[in-house]
Amino acid sequence: MNSSPSPTFHPRFQYTHAMLRDFGLIEAARAVITVLPLPPDQELRLRQAARQRATRNSTRIEGNTLNSEEVGRAVMAVGKSQTEMQQEVRDY
């Protein structure tokens, strides 16, 4: 067996004092944001958008050709006449 030394990583950048200061500011802002409550209406919008994206991506894998807007309309359409692809989205 040949036991040659493994290559050493040499980064092509250096941390500057300004970068470290900015990292600290970002981390401080992140700490504040993580403890703040999200307004209920904003949380609902974010959940609906995430559900719509997940539904579109999952049904797209299965061959559904609806675009994002059509998926959004299909998800919100309760009890209305729908195409087969729209019904697939509703049933997801």
C-alpha atoms as a PDB file:
ATOM      1  CA  MET A   1       0.000   0.000   0.000  1.00  0.00           C
ATOM      2  CA  ASN A   2       1.156   3.462  -0.868  1.00  0.00           C
ATOM      3  CA  SER A   3       0.599   5.852   2.028  1.00  0.00           C
ATOM      4  CA  SER A   4       0.942   9.245   0.425  1.00  0.00           C
ATOM      5  CA  PRO A   5      -0.156  12.274   2.434  1.00  0.00           C
ATOM      6  CA  SER A   6      -3.661  13.515   1.663  1.00  0.00           C
ATOM      7  CA  PRO A   7      -3.904  16.872  -0.105  1.00  0.00           C
ATOM      8  CA  THR A   8      -4.173  19.899   2.132  1.00  0.00           C
ATOM      9  CA  PHE A   9      -7.011  22.378   1.682  1.00  0.00           C
ATOM     10  CA  HIS A  10      -5.866  25.951   1.068  1.00  0.00           C
ATOM     11  CA  PRO A  11      -8.801  28.392   0.948  1.00  0.00           C
ATOM     12  CA  ARG A  12      -8.635  31.226  -1.555  1.00  0.00           C
ATOM     13  CA  PHE A  13     -10.149  33.778   0.781  1.00  0.00           C
ATOM     14  CA  GLN A  14      -9.522  35.374   4.132  1.00  0.00           C
ATOM     15  CA  TYR A  15     -11.919  36.533   6.784  1.00  0.00           C
ATOM     16  CA  THR A  16     -11.651  40.264   7.300  1.00  0.00           C
ATOM     17  CA  HIS A  17     -12.641  42.222  10.392  1.00  0.00           C
ATOM     18  CA  ALA A  18     -15.546  43.709   8.446  1.00  0.00           C
ATOM     19  CA  MET A  19     -16.783  40.242   7.482  1.00  0.00           C
ATOM     20  CA  LEU A  20     -16.604  39.030  11.068  1.00  0.00           C
ATOM     21  CA  ARG A  21     -18.475  42.127  12.242  1.00  0.00           C
ATOM     22  CA  ASP A  22     -21.173  41.529   9.605  1.00  0.00           C
ATOM     23  CA  PHE A  23     -21.451  37.851  10.592  1.00  0.00           C
ATOM     24  CA  GLY A  24     -21.989  38.968  14.177  1.00  0.00           C
ATOM     25  CA  LEU A  25     -24.700  41.432  13.127  1.00  0.00           C
ATOM     26  CA  ILE A  26     -26.449  38.769  11.063  1.00  0.00           C
ATOM     27  CA  GLU A  27     -26.357  36.296  13.939  1.00  0.00           C
ATOM     28  CA  ALA A  28     -27.718  38.927  16.361  1.00  0.00           C
ATOM     29  CA  ALA A  29     -30.578  39.737  13.967  1.00  0.00           C
ATOM     30  CA  ARG A  30     -31.281  36.023  13.526  1.00  0.00           C
ATOM     31  CA  ALA A  31     -31.490  35.544  17.304  1.00  0.00           C
ATOM     32  CA  VAL A  32     -34.079  38.335  17.554  1.00  0.00           C
ATOM     33  CA  ILE A  33     -36.129  37.083  14.614  1.00  0.00           C
ATOM     34  CA  THR A  34     -36.314  33.507  15.869  1.00  0.00           C
ATOM     35  CA  VAL A  35     -38.100  34.570  19.067  1.00  0.00           C
ATOM     36  CA  LEU A  36     -40.570  36.981  17.457  1.00  0.00           C
ATOM     37  CA  PRO A  37     -44.052  35.603  16.810  1.00  0.00           C
ATOM     38  CA  LEU A  38     -45.269  35.532  13.216  1.00  0.00           C
ATOM     39  CA  PRO A  39     -48.577  37.342  12.600  1.00  0.00           C
ATOM     40  CA  PRO A  40     -51.353  34.740  12.104  1.00  0.00           C
ATOM     41  CA  ASP A  41     -52.358  36.018   8.656  1.00  0.00           C
ATOM     42  CA  GLN A  42     -48.748  35.877   7.445  1.00  0.00           C
ATOM     43  CA  GLU A  43     -48.322  32.378   8.870  1.00  0.00           C
ATOM     44  CA  LEU A  44     -51.469  31.228   7.053  1.00  0.00           C
ATOM     45  CA  ARG A  45     -50.239  32.708   3.748  1.00  0.00           C
ATOM     46  CA  LEU A  46     -46.849  31.026   4.149  1.00  0.00           C
ATOM     47  CA  ARG A  47     -48.457  27.661   4.968  1.00  0.00           C
ATOM     48  CA  GLN A  48     -50.785  27.912   1.965  1.00  0.00           C
ATOM     49  CA  ALA A  49     -47.910  28.827  -0.362  1.00  0.00           C
ATOM     50  CA  ALA A  50     -45.824  25.915   0.957  1.00  0.00           C
ATOM     51  CA  ARG A  51     -48.746  23.519   0.522  1.00  0.00           C
ATOM     52  CA  GLN A  52     -49.308  24.760  -3.013  1.00  0.00           C
ATOM     53  CA  ARG A  53     -45.613  24.308  -3.929  1.00  0.00           C
ATOM     54  CA  ALA A  54     -45.473  20.842  -2.378  1.00  0.00           C
ATOM     55  CA  THR A  55     -48.682  19.817  -4.150  1.00  0.00           C
ATOM     56  CA  ARG A  56     -47.490  21.128  -7.509  1.00  0.00           C
ATOM     57  CA  ASN A  57     -44.089  19.464  -7.214  1.00  0.00           C
ATOM     58  CA  SER A  58     -45.508  16.136  -6.104  1.00  0.00           C
ATOM     59  CA  THR A  59     -48.257  15.962  -8.721  1.00  0.00           C
ATOM     60  CA  ARG A  60     -45.851  17.206 -11.408  1.00  0.00           C
ATOM     61  CA  ILE A  61     -43.669  14.150 -10.764  1.00  0.00           C
ATOM     62  CA  GLU A  62     -46.757  12.062 -11.476  1.00  0.00           C
ATOM     63  CA  GLY A  63     -47.273  13.811 -14.839  1.00  0.00           C
ATOM     64  CA  ASN A  64     -49.681  16.595 -13.918  1.00  0.00           C
ATOM     65  CA  THR A  65     -49.149  19.558 -16.283  1.00  0.00           C
ATOM     66  CA  LEU A  66     -50.913  22.295 -14.296  1.00  0.00           C
ATOM     67  CA  ASN A  67     -48.809  25.409 -13.657  1.00  0.00           C
ATOM     68  CA  SER A  68     -48.500  27.128 -10.255  1.00  0.00           C
ATOM     69  CA  GLU A  69     -51.485  29.426 -10.778  1.00  0.00           C
ATOM     70  CA  GLU A  70     -53.710  26.562 -11.920  1.00  0.00           C
ATOM     71  CA  VAL A  71     -52.649  24.468  -8.935  1.00  0.00           C
ATOM     72  CA  GLY A  72     -53.477  27.385  -6.619  1.00  0.00           C
ATOM     73  CA  ARG A  73     -56.933  27.740  -8.135  1.00  0.00           C
ATOM     74  CA  ALA A  74     -57.511  23.981  -7.953  1.00  0.00           C
ATOM     75  CA  VAL A  75     -56.487  23.841  -4.288  1.00  0.00           C
ATOM     76  CA  MET A  76     -58.927  26.665  -3.446  1.00  0.00           C
ATOM     77  CA  ALA A  77     -61.800  25.370  -5.618  1.00  0.00           C
ATOM     78  CA  VAL A  78     -64.077  23.449  -3.290  1.00  0.00           C
ATOM     79  CA  GLY A  79     -67.093  21.730  -4.780  1.00  0.00           C
ATOM     80  CA  LYS A  80     -66.600  23.161  -8.268  1.00  0.00           C
ATOM     81  CA  SER A  81     -66.423  21.243 -11.536  1.00  0.00           C
ATOM     82  CA  GLN A  82     -62.803  20.345 -12.235  1.00  0.00           C
ATOM     83  CA  THR A  83     -60.671  18.586 -14.808  1.00  0.00           C
ATOM     84  CA  GLU A  84     -59.001  15.290 -13.937  1.00  0.00           C
ATOM     85  CA  MET A  85     -55.678  17.033 -13.241  1.00  0.00           C
ATOM     86  CA  GLN A  86     -57.348  19.641 -11.053  1.00  0.00           C
ATOM     87  CA  GLN A  87     -59.085  16.860  -9.118  1.00  0.00           C
ATOM     88  CA  GLU A  88     -55.741  15.085  -8.680  1.00  0.00           C
ATOM     89  CA  VAL A  89     -54.361  18.274  -7.121  1.00  0.00           C
ATOM     90  CA  ARG A  90     -57.404  18.600  -4.834  1.00  0.00           C
ATOM     91  CA  ASP A  91     -57.023  14.988  -3.713  1.00  0.00           C
ATOM     92  CA  TYR A  92     -53.336  15.407  -2.862  1.00  0.00           C
END
